[in-house]
Amino acid sequence: MTTILAILQHALGRDQYGHGTDYRNHFVAGGDDLALCRDAVTQGLMVEHAARAISGGDPIFTVTDAGKAYIAEHSPKPPKVSRGKARYLKWLEVSECYPDMTFGDWLKAEERAR
């Protein structure tokens, strides 16, 4: 089920917890999303812009500062991650740079670096 919160997060390029860098600010709405976006407009969370050919004839919505504040207030907190899982997730991020390095080798290298 799509919600106003999910639309606001998606429009800015943020994750489900409201985290991330705002690398865009637009949402092209059609179908069921259109009513939610127009509801967000009435709440001052978004601004509606006219439909254009580039959007396939659907209206374009942008997030306001109030919408950004709404994301900050209503986004759930991310789940707690154990120390071990956090290390593994960090290794996954850098493993593409070191395709021949195993997780164990990476842990040893990290320990030596400290």
PDB file of N, CA and C in Angstrom:
ATOM      1  N   MET A   1       0.840  -1.187   0.000  1.00  0.00           N
ATOM      2  CA  MET A   1       0.000   0.000   0.000  1.00  0.00           C
ATOM      3  C   MET A   1       0.885   1.249   0.000  1.00  0.00           C
ATOM      4  N   THR A   2       0.658   2.093  -0.956  1.00  0.00           N
ATOM      5  CA  THR A   2       1.405   3.339  -1.057  1.00  0.00           C
ATOM      6  C   THR A   2       0.821   4.359  -0.087  1.00  0.00           C
ATOM      7  N   THR A   3       1.711   5.135   0.526  1.00  0.00           N
ATOM      8  CA  THR A   3       1.292   6.178   1.460  1.00  0.00           C
ATOM      9  C   THR A   3       1.895   7.508   1.027  1.00  0.00           C
ATOM     10  N   ILE A   4       1.407   8.576   1.615  1.00  0.00           N
ATOM     11  CA  ILE A   4       1.985   9.892   1.333  1.00  0.00           C
ATOM     12  C   ILE A   4       3.453   9.897   1.730  1.00  0.00           C
ATOM     13  N   LEU A   5       3.780   9.288   2.862  1.00  0.00           N
ATOM     14  CA  LEU A   5       5.173   9.240   3.309  1.00  0.00           C
ATOM     15  C   LEU A   5       6.052   8.550   2.270  1.00  0.00           C
ATOM     16  N   ALA A   6       5.605   7.425   1.753  1.00  0.00           N
ATOM     17  CA  ALA A   6       6.393   6.685   0.752  1.00  0.00           C
ATOM     18  C   ALA A   6       6.580   7.517  -0.519  1.00  0.00           C
ATOM     19  N   ILE A   7       5.549   8.243  -0.923  1.00  0.00           N
ATOM     20  CA  ILE A   7       5.651   9.085  -2.117  1.00  0.00           C
ATOM     21  C   ILE A   7       6.643  10.214  -1.884  1.00  0.00           C
ATOM     22  N   LEU A   8       6.576  10.854  -0.731  1.00  0.00           N
ATOM     23  CA  LEU A   8       7.509  11.942  -0.424  1.00  0.00           C
ATOM     24  C   LEU A   8       8.951  11.435  -0.420  1.00  0.00           C
ATOM     25  N   GLN A   9       9.174  10.285   0.229  1.00  0.00           N
ATOM     26  CA  GLN A   9      10.525   9.711   0.283  1.00  0.00           C
ATOM     27  C   GLN A   9      11.020   9.398  -1.115  1.00  0.00           C
ATOM     28  N   HIS A  10      10.171   8.763  -1.923  1.00  0.00           N
ATOM     29  CA  HIS A  10      10.562   8.392  -3.278  1.00  0.00           C
ATOM     30  C   HIS A  10      10.844   9.625  -4.142  1.00  0.00           C
ATOM     31  N   ALA A  11      10.029  10.651  -3.991  1.00  0.00           N
ATOM     32  CA  ALA A  11      10.200  11.865  -4.791  1.00  0.00           C
ATOM     33  C   ALA A  11      11.570  12.496  -4.580  1.00  0.00           C
ATOM     34  N   LEU A  12      12.116  12.344  -3.381  1.00  0.00           N
ATOM     35  CA  LEU A  12      13.424  12.924  -3.078  1.00  0.00           C
ATOM     36  C   LEU A  12      14.570  11.934  -3.246  1.00  0.00           C
ATOM     37  N   GLY A  13      14.255  10.659  -3.437  1.00  0.00           N
ATOM     38  CA  GLY A  13      15.301   9.652  -3.573  1.00  0.00           C
ATOM     39  C   GLY A  13      15.800   9.127  -2.253  1.00  0.00           C
ATOM     40  N   ARG A  14      14.978   9.212  -1.229  1.00  0.00           N
ATOM     41  CA  ARG A  14      15.378   8.726   0.096  1.00  0.00           C
ATOM     42  C   ARG A  14      14.897   7.292   0.305  1.00  0.00           C
ATOM     43  N   ASP A  15      15.484   6.619   1.303  1.00  0.00           N
ATOM     44  CA  ASP A  15      15.070   5.251   1.600  1.00  0.00           C
ATOM     45  C   ASP A  15      13.835   5.253   2.498  1.00  0.00           C
ATOM     46  N   GLN A  16      13.381   4.074   2.882  1.00  0.00           N
ATOM     47  CA  GLN A  16      12.155   3.937   3.668  1.00  0.00           C
ATOM     48  C   GLN A  16      12.270   4.530   5.070  1.00  0.00           C
ATOM     49  N   TYR A  17      13.501   4.848   5.496  1.00  0.00           N
ATOM     50  CA  TYR A  17      13.704   5.448   6.810  1.00  0.00           C
ATOM     51  C   TYR A  17      13.927   6.959   6.706  1.00  0.00           C
ATOM     52  N   GLY A  18      13.775   7.490   5.501  1.00  0.00           N
ATOM     53  CA  GLY A  18      13.943   8.927   5.295  1.00  0.00           C
ATOM     54  C   GLY A  18      15.390   9.340   5.163  1.00  0.00           C
ATOM     55  N   HIS A  19      16.300   8.380   5.020  1.00  0.00           N
ATOM     56  CA  HIS A  19      17.721   8.682   4.900  1.00  0.00           C
ATOM     57  C   HIS A  19      18.140   8.733   3.435  1.00  0.00           C
ATOM     58  N   GLY A  20      19.197   9.456   3.179  1.00  0.00           N
ATOM     59  CA  GLY A  20      19.742   9.545   1.835  1.00  0.00           C
ATOM     60  C   GLY A  20      19.890  10.987   1.408  1.00  0.00           C
ATOM     61  N   THR A  21      20.610  11.155   0.327  1.00  0.00           N
ATOM     62  CA  THR A  21      20.824  12.479  -0.239  1.00  0.00           C
ATOM     63  C   THR A  21      19.702  12.778  -1.223  1.00  0.00           C
ATOM     64  N   ASP A  22      19.157  13.966  -1.135  1.00  0.00           N
ATOM     65  CA  ASP A  22      18.090  14.369  -2.056  1.00  0.00           C
ATOM     66  C   ASP A  22      18.705  14.612  -3.434  1.00  0.00           C
ATOM     67  N   TYR A  23      18.637  13.612  -4.299  1.00  0.00           N
ATOM     68  CA  TYR A  23      19.222  13.769  -5.625  1.00  0.00           C
ATOM     69  C   TYR A  23      18.165  14.055  -6.687  1.00  0.00           C
ATOM     70  N   ARG A  24      16.925  14.177  -6.273  1.00  0.00           N
ATOM     71  CA  ARG A  24      15.862  14.591  -7.177  1.00  0.00           C
ATOM     72  C   ARG A  24      14.753  15.216  -6.327  1.00  0.00           C
ATOM     73  N   ASN A  25      13.814  15.860  -6.969  1.00  0.00           N
ATOM     74  CA  ASN A  25      12.630  16.372  -6.283  1.00  0.00           C
ATOM     75  C   ASN A  25      11.487  16.429  -7.279  1.00  0.00           C
ATOM     76  N   HIS A  26      10.982  15.257  -7.622  1.00  0.00           N
ATOM     77  CA  HIS A  26       9.810  15.202  -8.483  1.00  0.00           C
ATOM     78  C   HIS A  26       9.152  13.836  -8.372  1.00  0.00           C
ATOM     79  N   PHE A  27       7.853  13.835  -8.623  1.00  0.00           N
ATOM     80  CA  PHE A  27       7.079  12.600  -8.645  1.00  0.00           C
ATOM     81  C   PHE A  27       6.003  12.761  -9.704  1.00  0.00           C
ATOM     82  N   VAL A  28       6.018  11.893 -10.678  1.00  0.00           N
ATOM     83  CA  VAL A  28       4.996  11.900 -11.727  1.00  0.00           C
ATOM     84  C   VAL A  28       3.884  10.972 -11.264  1.00  0.00           C
ATOM     85  N   ALA A  29       2.694  11.523 -11.093  1.00  0.00           N
ATOM     86  CA  ALA A  29       1.600  10.756 -10.494  1.00  0.00           C
ATOM     87  C   ALA A  29       0.520  10.424 -11.498  1.00  0.00           C
ATOM     88  N   GLY A  30       0.082   9.186 -11.410  1.00  0.00           N
ATOM     89  CA  GLY A  30      -1.052   8.722 -12.186  1.00  0.00           C
ATOM     90  C   GLY A  30      -1.735   7.629 -11.384  1.00  0.00           C
ATOM     91  N   GLY A  31      -2.911   7.245 -11.749  1.00  0.00           N
ATOM     92  CA  GLY A  31      -3.614   6.177 -11.045  1.00  0.00           C
ATOM     93  C   GLY A  31      -3.917   6.537  -9.601  1.00  0.00           C
ATOM     94  N   ASP A  32      -3.723   5.559  -8.709  1.00  0.00           N
ATOM     95  CA  ASP A  32      -4.035   5.751  -7.291  1.00  0.00           C
ATOM     96  C   ASP A  32      -3.133   6.787  -6.624  1.00  0.00           C
ATOM     97  N   ASP A  33      -1.911   6.945  -7.136  1.00  0.00           N
ATOM     98  CA  ASP A  33      -0.980   7.902  -6.544  1.00  0.00           C
ATOM     99  C   ASP A  33      -1.429   9.345  -6.719  1.00  0.00           C
ATOM    100  N   LEU A  34      -2.207   9.601  -7.735  1.00  0.00           N
ATOM    101  CA  LEU A  34      -2.640  10.973  -8.014  1.00  0.00           C
ATOM    102  C   LEU A  34      -3.451  11.542  -6.850  1.00  0.00           C
ATOM    103  N   ALA A  35      -4.377  10.764  -6.311  1.00  0.00           N
ATOM    104  CA  ALA A  35      -5.198  11.231  -5.191  1.00  0.00           C
ATOM    105  C   ALA A  35      -4.336  11.487  -3.958  1.00  0.00           C
ATOM    106  N   LEU A  36      -3.359  10.606  -3.709  1.00  0.00           N
ATOM    107  CA  LEU A  36      -2.472  10.796  -2.550  1.00  0.00           C
ATOM    108  C   LEU A  36      -1.634  12.063  -2.710  1.00  0.00           C
ATOM    109  N   CYS A  37      -1.130  12.288  -3.917  1.00  0.00           N
ATOM    110  CA  CYS A  37      -0.321  13.482  -4.151  1.00  0.00           C
ATOM    111  C   CYS A  37      -1.151  14.754  -3.986  1.00  0.00           C
ATOM    112  N   ARG A  38      -2.368  14.718  -4.470  1.00  0.00           N
ATOM    113  CA  ARG A  38      -3.233  15.901  -4.326  1.00  0.00           C
ATOM    114  C   ARG A  38      -3.614  16.120  -2.858  1.00  0.00           C
ATOM    115  N   ASP A  39      -3.728  15.054  -2.105  1.00  0.00           N
ATOM    116  CA  ASP A  39      -3.946  15.176  -0.659  1.00  0.00           C
ATOM    117  C   ASP A  39      -2.721  15.819  -0.012  1.00  0.00           C
ATOM    118  N   ALA A  40      -1.525  15.407  -0.454  1.00  0.00           N
ATOM    119  CA  ALA A  40      -0.292  16.011   0.070  1.00  0.00           C
ATOM    120  C   ALA A  40      -0.227  17.499  -0.271  1.00  0.00           C
ATOM    121  N   VAL A  41      -0.746  17.881  -1.438  1.00  0.00           N
ATOM    122  CA  VAL A  41      -0.786  19.297  -1.828  1.00  0.00           C
ATOM    123  C   VAL A  41      -1.678  20.076  -0.873  1.00  0.00           C
ATOM    124  N   THR A  42      -2.843  19.519  -0.528  1.00  0.00           N
ATOM    125  CA  THR A  42      -3.753  20.228   0.382  1.00  0.00           C
ATOM    126  C   THR A  42      -3.143  20.375   1.775  1.00  0.00           C
ATOM    127  N   GLN A  43      -2.240  19.471   2.129  1.00  0.00           N
ATOM    128  CA  GLN A  43      -1.559  19.550   3.428  1.00  0.00           C
ATOM    129  C   GLN A  43      -0.306  20.429   3.367  1.00  0.00           C
ATOM    130  N   GLY A  44       0.030  20.921   2.178  1.00  0.00           N
ATOM    131  CA  GLY A  44       1.217  21.768   2.022  1.00  0.00           C
ATOM    132  C   GLY A  44       2.518  20.995   1.931  1.00  0.00           C
ATOM    133  N   LEU A  45       2.432  19.693   1.690  1.00  0.00           N
ATOM    134  CA  LEU A  45       3.627  18.850   1.639  1.00  0.00           C
ATOM    135  C   LEU A  45       4.235  18.767   0.239  1.00  0.00           C
ATOM    136  N   MET A  46       3.406  19.040  -0.778  1.00  0.00           N
ATOM    137  CA  MET A  46       3.854  18.991  -2.163  1.00  0.00           C
ATOM    138  C   MET A  46       3.234  20.149  -2.941  1.00  0.00           C
ATOM    139  N   VAL A  47       3.796  20.410  -4.117  1.00  0.00           N
ATOM    140  CA  VAL A  47       3.262  21.400  -5.048  1.00  0.00           C
ATOM    141  C   VAL A  47       2.991  20.670  -6.358  1.00  0.00           C
ATOM    142  N   GLU A  48       1.817  20.908  -6.947  1.00  0.00           N
ATOM    143  CA  GLU A  48       1.470  20.278  -8.221  1.00  0.00           C
ATOM    144  C   GLU A  48       1.853  21.188  -9.373  1.00  0.00           C
ATOM    145  N   HIS A  49       2.470  20.588 -10.385  1.00  0.00           N
ATOM    146  CA  HIS A  49       2.844  21.302 -11.605  1.00  0.00           C
ATOM    147  C   HIS A  49       2.070  20.687 -12.762  1.00  0.00           C
ATOM    148  N   ALA A  50       1.827  21.477 -13.773  1.00  0.00           N
ATOM    149  CA  ALA A  50       1.017  21.039 -14.914  1.00  0.00           C
ATOM    150  C   ALA A  50       1.622  19.819 -15.598  1.00  0.00           C
ATOM    151  N   ALA A  51       0.736  19.025 -16.163  1.00  0.00           N
ATOM    152  CA  ALA A  51       1.172  17.860 -16.938  1.00  0.00           C
ATOM    153  C   ALA A  51       1.924  18.338 -18.171  1.00  0.00           C
ATOM    154  N   ARG A  52       2.923  17.556 -18.556  1.00  0.00           N
ATOM    155  CA  ARG A  52       3.730  17.888 -19.731  1.00  0.00           C
ATOM    156  C   ARG A  52       3.936  16.635 -20.567  1.00  0.00           C
ATOM    157  N   ALA A  53       4.381  16.836 -21.765  1.00  0.00           N
ATOM    158  CA  ALA A  53       4.646  15.696 -22.645  1.00  0.00           C
ATOM    159  C   ALA A  53       5.736  14.799 -22.058  1.00  0.00           C
ATOM    160  N   ILE A  54       6.755  15.399 -21.439  1.00  0.00           N
ATOM    161  CA  ILE A  54       7.860  14.612 -20.889  1.00  0.00           C
ATOM    162  C   ILE A  54       7.407  13.710 -19.746  1.00  0.00           C
ATOM    163  N   SER A  55       6.295  14.059 -19.092  1.00  0.00           N
ATOM    164  CA  SER A  55       5.774  13.232 -17.998  1.00  0.00           C
ATOM    165  C   SER A  55       4.660  12.306 -18.476  1.00  0.00           C
ATOM    166  N   GLY A  56       4.530  12.161 -19.755  1.00  0.00           N
ATOM    167  CA  GLY A  56       3.505  11.275 -20.294  1.00  0.00           C
ATOM    168  C   GLY A  56       2.097  11.812 -20.129  1.00  0.00           C
ATOM    169  N   GLY A  57       1.981  13.111 -19.938  1.00  0.00           N
ATOM    170  CA  GLY A  57       0.669  13.717 -19.774  1.00  0.00           C
ATOM    171  C   GLY A  57       0.149  13.676 -18.347  1.00  0.00           C
ATOM    172  N   ASP A  58       0.960  13.204 -17.416  1.00  0.00           N
ATOM    173  CA  ASP A  58       0.566  13.163 -16.003  1.00  0.00           C
ATOM    174  C   ASP A  58       1.145  14.369 -15.272  1.00  0.00           C
ATOM    175  N   PRO A  59       0.465  14.844 -14.213  1.00  0.00           N
ATOM    176  CA  PRO A  59       1.000  15.972 -13.453  1.00  0.00           C
ATOM    177  C   PRO A  59       2.276  15.595 -12.702  1.00  0.00           C
ATOM    178  N   ILE A  60       3.097  16.594 -12.462  1.00  0.00           N
ATOM    179  CA  ILE A  60       4.359  16.419 -11.742  1.00  0.00           C
ATOM    180  C   ILE A  60       4.215  17.110 -10.388  1.00  0.00           C
ATOM    181  N   PHE A  61       4.682  16.450  -9.346  1.00  0.00           N
ATOM    182  CA  PHE A  61       4.617  16.995  -7.990  1.00  0.00           C
ATOM    183  C   PHE A  61       6.030  17.132  -7.430  1.00  0.00           C
ATOM    184  N   THR A  62       6.260  18.212  -6.689  1.00  0.00           N
ATOM    185  CA  THR A  62       7.544  18.409  -6.016  1.00  0.00           C
ATOM    186  C   THR A  62       7.292  18.552  -4.514  1.00  0.00           C
ATOM    187  N   VAL A  63       8.284  18.183  -3.736  1.00  0.00           N
ATOM    188  CA  VAL A  63       8.176  18.192  -2.276  1.00  0.00           C
ATOM    189  C   VAL A  63       8.565  19.573  -1.744  1.00  0.00           C
ATOM    190  N   THR A  64       7.780  20.082  -0.818  1.00  0.00           N
ATOM    191  CA  THR A  64       8.058  21.376  -0.182  1.00  0.00           C
ATOM    192  C   THR A  64       8.937  21.163   1.059  1.00  0.00           C
ATOM    193  N   ASP A  65       9.361  22.256   1.668  1.00  0.00           N
ATOM    194  CA  ASP A  65      10.115  22.165   2.924  1.00  0.00           C
ATOM    195  C   ASP A  65       9.260  21.505   4.007  1.00  0.00           C
ATOM    196  N   ALA A  66       7.956  21.788   3.992  1.00  0.00           N
ATOM    197  CA  ALA A  66       7.052  21.141   4.955  1.00  0.00           C
ATOM    198  C   ALA A  66       7.019  19.639   4.713  1.00  0.00           C
ATOM    199  N   GLY A  67       7.097  19.215   3.442  1.00  0.00           N
ATOM    200  CA  GLY A  67       7.142  17.793   3.114  1.00  0.00           C
ATOM    201  C   GLY A  67       8.412  17.141   3.637  1.00  0.00           C
ATOM    202  N   LYS A  68       9.523  17.844   3.541  1.00  0.00           N
ATOM    203  CA  LYS A  68      10.792  17.325   4.076  1.00  0.00           C
ATOM    204  C   LYS A  68      10.707  17.182   5.592  1.00  0.00           C
ATOM    205  N   ALA A  69      10.080  18.141   6.244  1.00  0.00           N
ATOM    206  CA  ALA A  69       9.904  18.059   7.701  1.00  0.00           C
ATOM    207  C   ALA A  69       8.980  16.889   8.054  1.00  0.00           C
ATOM    208  N   TYR A  70       7.964  16.657   7.232  1.00  0.00           N
ATOM    209  CA  TYR A  70       7.044  15.536   7.440  1.00  0.00           C
ATOM    210  C   TYR A  70       7.804  14.211   7.366  1.00  0.00           C
ATOM    211  N   ILE A  71       8.697  14.099   6.403  1.00  0.00           N
ATOM    212  CA  ILE A  71       9.515  12.883   6.277  1.00  0.00           C
ATOM    213  C   ILE A  71      10.338  12.678   7.547  1.00  0.00           C
ATOM    214  N   ALA A  72      10.978  13.737   8.015  1.00  0.00           N
ATOM    215  CA  ALA A  72      11.824  13.633   9.203  1.00  0.00           C
ATOM    216  C   ALA A  72      11.015  13.215  10.434  1.00  0.00           C
ATOM    217  N   GLU A  73       9.808  13.708  10.531  1.00  0.00           N
ATOM    218  CA  GLU A  73       8.968  13.429  11.699  1.00  0.00           C
ATOM    219  C   GLU A  73       8.305  12.056  11.642  1.00  0.00           C
ATOM    220  N   HIS A  74       7.914  11.604  10.460  1.00  0.00           N
ATOM    221  CA  HIS A  74       7.099  10.393  10.352  1.00  0.00           C
ATOM    222  C   HIS A  74       7.822   9.137   9.865  1.00  0.00           C
ATOM    223  N   SER A  75       9.056   9.261   9.420  1.00  0.00           N
ATOM    224  CA  SER A  75       9.777   8.075   8.950  1.00  0.00           C
ATOM    225  C   SER A  75      10.152   7.196  10.141  1.00  0.00           C
ATOM    226  N   PRO A  76      10.040   5.874   9.971  1.00  0.00           N
ATOM    227  CA  PRO A  76      10.416   4.981  11.064  1.00  0.00           C
ATOM    228  C   PRO A  76      11.927   4.974  11.268  1.00  0.00           C
ATOM    229  N   LYS A  77      12.322   4.628  12.471  1.00  0.00           N
ATOM    230  CA  LYS A  77      13.747   4.502  12.760  1.00  0.00           C
ATOM    231  C   LYS A  77      14.254   3.200  12.147  1.00  0.00           C
ATOM    232  N   PRO A  78      15.486   3.213  11.619  1.00  0.00           N
ATOM    233  CA  PRO A  78      16.020   1.970  11.059  1.00  0.00           C
ATOM    234  C   PRO A  78      16.256   0.944  12.161  1.00  0.00           C
ATOM    235  N   PRO A  79      16.202  -0.334  11.807  1.00  0.00           N
ATOM    236  CA  PRO A  79      16.429  -1.359  12.828  1.00  0.00           C
ATOM    237  C   PRO A  79      17.873  -1.328  13.316  1.00  0.00           C
ATOM    238  N   LYS A  80      18.058  -1.774  14.550  1.00  0.00           N
ATOM    239  CA  LYS A  80      19.405  -1.861  15.119  1.00  0.00           C
ATOM    240  C   LYS A  80      20.170  -2.947  14.373  1.00  0.00           C
ATOM    241  N   VAL A  81      21.443  -2.693  14.113  1.00  0.00           N
ATOM    242  CA  VAL A  81      22.298  -3.651  13.428  1.00  0.00           C
ATOM    243  C   VAL A  81      23.426  -4.020  14.376  1.00  0.00           C
ATOM    244  N   SER A  82      23.661  -5.329  14.518  1.00  0.00           N
ATOM    245  CA  SER A  82      24.734  -5.785  15.399  1.00  0.00           C
ATOM    246  C   SER A  82      26.086  -5.341  14.854  1.00  0.00           C
ATOM    247  N   ARG A  83      27.084  -5.328  15.704  1.00  0.00           N
ATOM    248  CA  ARG A  83      28.427  -4.924  15.309  1.00  0.00           C
ATOM    249  C   ARG A  83      28.943  -5.821  14.181  1.00  0.00           C
ATOM    250  N   GLY A  84      28.709  -7.120  14.308  1.00  0.00           N
ATOM    251  CA  GLY A  84      29.170  -8.055  13.291  1.00  0.00           C
ATOM    252  C   GLY A  84      28.498  -7.831  11.950  1.00  0.00           C
ATOM    253  N   LYS A  85      27.201  -7.605  11.983  1.00  0.00           N
ATOM    254  CA  LYS A  85      26.480  -7.373  10.730  1.00  0.00           C
ATOM    255  C   LYS A  85      26.916  -6.046  10.111  1.00  0.00           C
ATOM    256  N   ALA A  86      27.172  -5.048  10.949  1.00  0.00           N
ATOM    257  CA  ALA A  86      27.625  -3.756  10.441  1.00  0.00           C
ATOM    258  C   ALA A  86      28.968  -3.905   9.726  1.00  0.00           C
ATOM    259  N   ARG A  87      29.873  -4.727  10.287  1.00  0.00           N
ATOM    260  CA  ARG A  87      31.161  -4.961   9.623  1.00  0.00           C
ATOM    261  C   ARG A  87      30.958  -5.673   8.297  1.00  0.00           C
ATOM    262  N   TYR A  88      30.070  -6.657   8.271  1.00  0.00           N
ATOM    263  CA  TYR A  88      29.813  -7.393   7.038  1.00  0.00           C
ATOM    264  C   TYR A  88      29.213  -6.474   5.976  1.00  0.00           C
ATOM    265  N   LEU A  89      28.274  -5.609   6.365  1.00  0.00           N
ATOM    266  CA  LEU A  89      27.676  -4.670   5.418  1.00  0.00           C
ATOM    267  C   LEU A  89      28.721  -3.700   4.868  1.00  0.00           C
ATOM    268  N   LYS A  90      29.654  -3.292   5.730  1.00  0.00           N
ATOM    269  CA  LYS A  90      30.739  -2.413   5.276  1.00  0.00           C
ATOM    270  C   LYS A  90      31.599  -3.142   4.250  1.00  0.00           C
ATOM    271  N   TRP A  91      31.889  -4.423   4.509  1.00  0.00           N
ATOM    272  CA  TRP A  91      32.681  -5.209   3.561  1.00  0.00           C
ATOM    273  C   TRP A  91      31.953  -5.336   2.226  1.00  0.00           C
ATOM    274  N   LEU A  92      30.645  -5.534   2.269  1.00  0.00           N
ATOM    275  CA  LEU A  92      29.884  -5.631   1.016  1.00  0.00           C
ATOM    276  C   LEU A  92      30.013  -4.357   0.183  1.00  0.00           C
ATOM    277  N   GLU A  93      30.076  -3.228   0.858  1.00  0.00           N
ATOM    278  CA  GLU A  93      30.211  -1.950   0.147  1.00  0.00           C
ATOM    279  C   GLU A  93      31.549  -1.848  -0.576  1.00  0.00           C
ATOM    280  N   VAL A  94      32.625  -2.349   0.054  1.00  0.00           N
ATOM    281  CA  VAL A  94      33.956  -2.203  -0.534  1.00  0.00           C
ATOM    282  C   VAL A  94      34.418  -3.436  -1.301  1.00  0.00           C
ATOM    283  N   SER A  95      33.686  -4.536  -1.218  1.00  0.00           N
ATOM    284  CA  SER A  95      34.141  -5.784  -1.827  1.00  0.00           C
ATOM    285  C   SER A  95      34.260  -5.705  -3.343  1.00  0.00           C
ATOM    286  N   GLU A  96      33.504  -4.824  -3.978  1.00  0.00           N
ATOM    287  CA  GLU A  96      33.622  -4.680  -5.429  1.00  0.00           C
ATOM    288  C   GLU A  96      34.997  -4.163  -5.819  1.00  0.00           C
ATOM    289  N   CYS A  97      35.615  -3.398  -4.935  1.00  0.00           N
ATOM    290  CA  CYS A  97      36.951  -2.861  -5.215  1.00  0.00           C
ATOM    291  C   CYS A  97      38.035  -3.925  -5.032  1.00  0.00           C
ATOM    292  N   TYR A  98      37.754  -4.946  -4.247  1.00  0.00           N
ATOM    293  CA  TYR A  98      38.713  -6.012  -3.956  1.00  0.00           C
ATOM    294  C   TYR A  98      38.066  -7.364  -4.229  1.00  0.00           C
ATOM    295  N   PRO A  99      37.852  -7.715  -5.497  1.00  0.00           N
ATOM    296  CA  PRO A  99      37.104  -8.944  -5.814  1.00  0.00           C
ATOM    297  C   PRO A  99      37.772 -10.235  -5.347  1.00  0.00           C
ATOM    298  N   ASP A 100      39.086 -10.229  -5.148  1.00  0.00           N
ATOM    299  CA  ASP A 100      39.786 -11.447  -4.731  1.00  0.00           C
ATOM    300  C   ASP A 100      39.926 -11.559  -3.216  1.00  0.00           C
ATOM    301  N   MET A 101      39.481 -10.542  -2.474  1.00  0.00           N
ATOM    302  CA  MET A 101      39.643 -10.541  -1.018  1.00  0.00           C
ATOM    303  C   MET A 101      38.410 -11.147  -0.350  1.00  0.00           C
ATOM    304  N   THR A 102      38.632 -12.122   0.517  1.00  0.00           N
ATOM    305  CA  THR A 102      37.522 -12.719   1.252  1.00  0.00           C
ATOM    306  C   THR A 102      37.149 -11.823   2.423  1.00  0.00           C
ATOM    307  N   PHE A 103      36.020 -12.105   3.022  1.00  0.00           N
ATOM    308  CA  PHE A 103      35.592 -11.342   4.191  1.00  0.00           C
ATOM    309  C   PHE A 103      36.601 -11.494   5.329  1.00  0.00           C
ATOM    310  N   GLY A 104      37.103 -12.709   5.522  1.00  0.00           N
ATOM    311  CA  GLY A 104      38.103 -12.954   6.571  1.00  0.00           C
ATOM    312  C   GLY A 104      39.378 -12.170   6.334  1.00  0.00           C
ATOM    313  N   ASP A 105      39.842 -12.141   5.080  1.00  0.00           N
ATOM    314  CA  ASP A 105      41.048 -11.362   4.751  1.00  0.00           C
ATOM    315  C   ASP A 105      40.809  -9.881   5.001  1.00  0.00           C
ATOM    316  N   TRP A 106      39.615  -9.420   4.654  1.00  0.00           N
ATOM    317  CA  TRP A 106      39.298  -8.012   4.860  1.00  0.00           C
ATOM    318  C   TRP A 106      39.283  -7.672   6.353  1.00  0.00           C
ATOM    319  N   LEU A 107      38.716  -8.591   7.179  1.00  0.00           N
ATOM    320  CA  LEU A 107      38.702  -8.359   8.628  1.00  0.00           C
ATOM    321  C   LEU A 107      40.116  -8.234   9.166  1.00  0.00           C
ATOM    322  N   LYS A 108      41.024  -9.107   8.710  1.00  0.00           N
ATOM    323  CA  LYS A 108      42.421  -9.052   9.156  1.00  0.00           C
ATOM    324  C   LYS A 108      43.070  -7.744   8.734  1.00  0.00           C
ATOM    325  N   ALA A 109      42.810  -7.307   7.517  1.00  0.00           N
ATOM    326  CA  ALA A 109      43.370  -6.043   7.041  1.00  0.00           C
ATOM    327  C   ALA A 109      42.825  -4.864   7.845  1.00  0.00           C
ATOM    328  N   GLU A 110      41.549  -4.910   8.171  1.00  0.00           N
ATOM    329  CA  GLU A 110      40.955  -3.848   8.989  1.00  0.00           C
ATOM    330  C   GLU A 110      41.585  -3.806  10.378  1.00  0.00           C
ATOM    331  N   GLU A 111      41.830  -4.981  10.936  1.00  0.00           N
ATOM    332  CA  GLU A 111      42.454  -5.062  12.272  1.00  0.00           C
ATOM    333  C   GLU A 111      43.855  -4.487  12.238  1.00  0.00           C
ATOM    334  N   ARG A 112      44.610  -4.810  11.188  1.00  0.00           N
ATOM    335  CA  ARG A 112      45.979  -4.272  11.059  1.00  0.00           C
ATOM    336  C   ARG A 112      45.961  -2.753  10.872  1.00  0.00           C
ATOM    337  N   ALA A 113      44.945  -2.257  10.229  1.00  0.00           N
ATOM    338  CA  ALA A 113      44.856  -0.804   9.974  1.00  0.00           C
ATOM    339  C   ALA A 113      44.576  -0.009  11.242  1.00  0.00           C
ATOM    340  N   ARG A 114      44.061  -0.672  12.259  1.00  0.00           N
ATOM    341  CA  ARG A 114      43.741   0.050  13.518  1.00  0.00           C
ATOM    342  C   ARG A 114      44.949   0.258  14.310  1.00  0.00           C
TER     343      ARG A 114
END
